[in-house]
Amino acid sequence: MLFISQSPLEKRFRQIVGTTPKKFASIIRFNSVLENLKEKKPFAVICDENNYFDQAHLIHDFKNFTGETPDKFEK
């Protein structure tokens, strides 16, 4: 539909946005997680609503983005 293959599209995306499409999607998803934490939703619900396979994957992303676990981050 766009008349462009995946590789050039990703390259153009990186040039414009400053990161890969996959990383950008992860950032958007993690922002949603942070909003859910503000709403005091249970961690299991946050995982489910943000399409994480399990809590371990969310905790891994959490550590990558914040450097802390969710428990330490909230304090």
Protein backbone atom coordinates (compact mmCIF):
# COMPACT_ATOMS: atom_id res chain seq x y z
CA MET A 1 0.00 0.00 0.00
CA LEU A 2 2.87 2.39 0.73
CA PHE A 3 5.01 1.24 -2.18
CA ILE A 4 8.06 0.93 0.10
CA SER A 5 9.69 -2.16 1.59
CA GLN A 6 10.22 -2.69 5.31
CA SER A 7 13.89 -1.76 5.49
CA PRO A 8 13.65 1.68 3.83
CA LEU A 9 10.48 2.41 5.81
CA GLU A 10 12.21 1.61 9.10
CA LYS A 11 15.24 3.70 8.08
CA ARG A 12 13.03 6.67 7.27
CA PHE A 13 11.11 6.20 10.52
CA ARG A 14 14.40 6.24 12.50
CA GLN A 15 15.52 9.41 10.73
CA ILE A 16 12.28 11.24 11.50
CA VAL A 17 11.39 9.89 14.95
CA GLY A 18 14.88 9.15 16.26
CA THR A 19 14.31 5.52 17.18
CA THR A 20 13.19 2.27 15.65
CA PRO A 21 9.48 1.53 15.23
CA LYS A 22 9.77 -1.34 17.71
CA LYS A 23 11.41 0.85 20.38
CA PHE A 24 8.86 3.61 19.73
CA ALA A 25 6.01 1.14 20.27
CA SER A 26 7.66 0.00 23.51
CA ILE A 27 7.87 3.59 24.73
CA ILE A 28 4.21 4.21 23.94
CA ARG A 29 3.21 1.00 25.71
CA PHE A 30 5.34 1.86 28.74
CA ASN A 31 3.76 5.32 28.97
CA SER A 32 0.42 3.55 29.18
CA VAL A 33 1.79 1.38 32.00
CA LEU A 34 2.82 4.52 33.92
CA GLU A 35 -0.66 5.98 33.49
CA ASN A 36 -2.18 2.73 34.77
CA LEU A 37 0.09 2.85 37.83
CA LYS A 38 -1.15 6.37 38.60
CA GLU A 39 -4.69 4.97 38.58
CA LYS A 40 -3.61 2.38 41.20
CA LYS A 41 -4.65 -0.57 39.04
CA PRO A 42 -3.47 -4.03 40.10
CA PHE A 43 -0.23 -5.09 38.45
CA ALA A 44 -1.81 -8.15 36.84
CA VAL A 45 -4.48 -5.93 35.24
CA ILE A 46 -1.82 -3.53 33.95
CA CYS A 47 0.02 -6.46 32.34
CA ASP A 48 -3.14 -7.70 30.67
CA GLU A 49 -4.35 -4.29 29.47
CA ASN A 50 -0.96 -3.49 27.94
CA ASN A 51 -0.56 -6.87 26.23
CA TYR A 52 2.39 -8.17 28.21
CA PHE A 53 2.89 -11.94 28.08
CA ASP A 54 3.35 -12.02 31.85
CA GLN A 55 4.44 -9.88 34.78
CA ALA A 56 8.09 -10.86 34.33
CA HIS A 57 8.15 -9.23 30.88
CA LEU A 58 6.64 -6.04 32.26
CA ILE A 59 9.12 -5.96 35.12
CA HIS A 60 11.96 -6.44 32.61
CA ASP A 61 10.73 -3.46 30.55
CA PHE A 62 10.22 -1.46 33.73
CA LYS A 63 13.84 -2.00 34.77
CA ASN A 64 15.06 -1.10 31.27
CA PHE A 65 13.14 2.18 31.18
CA THR A 66 13.48 3.32 34.81
CA GLY A 67 16.41 1.38 36.24
CA GLU A 68 14.18 0.22 39.09
CA THR A 69 11.54 -2.37 39.85
CA PRO A 70 7.90 -1.22 39.96
CA ASP A 71 7.83 -1.53 43.77
CA LYS A 72 10.85 0.76 44.22
CA PHE A 73 9.61 3.18 41.55
CA GLU A 74 6.30 3.83 43.32
CA LYS A 75 7.94 4.77 46.65
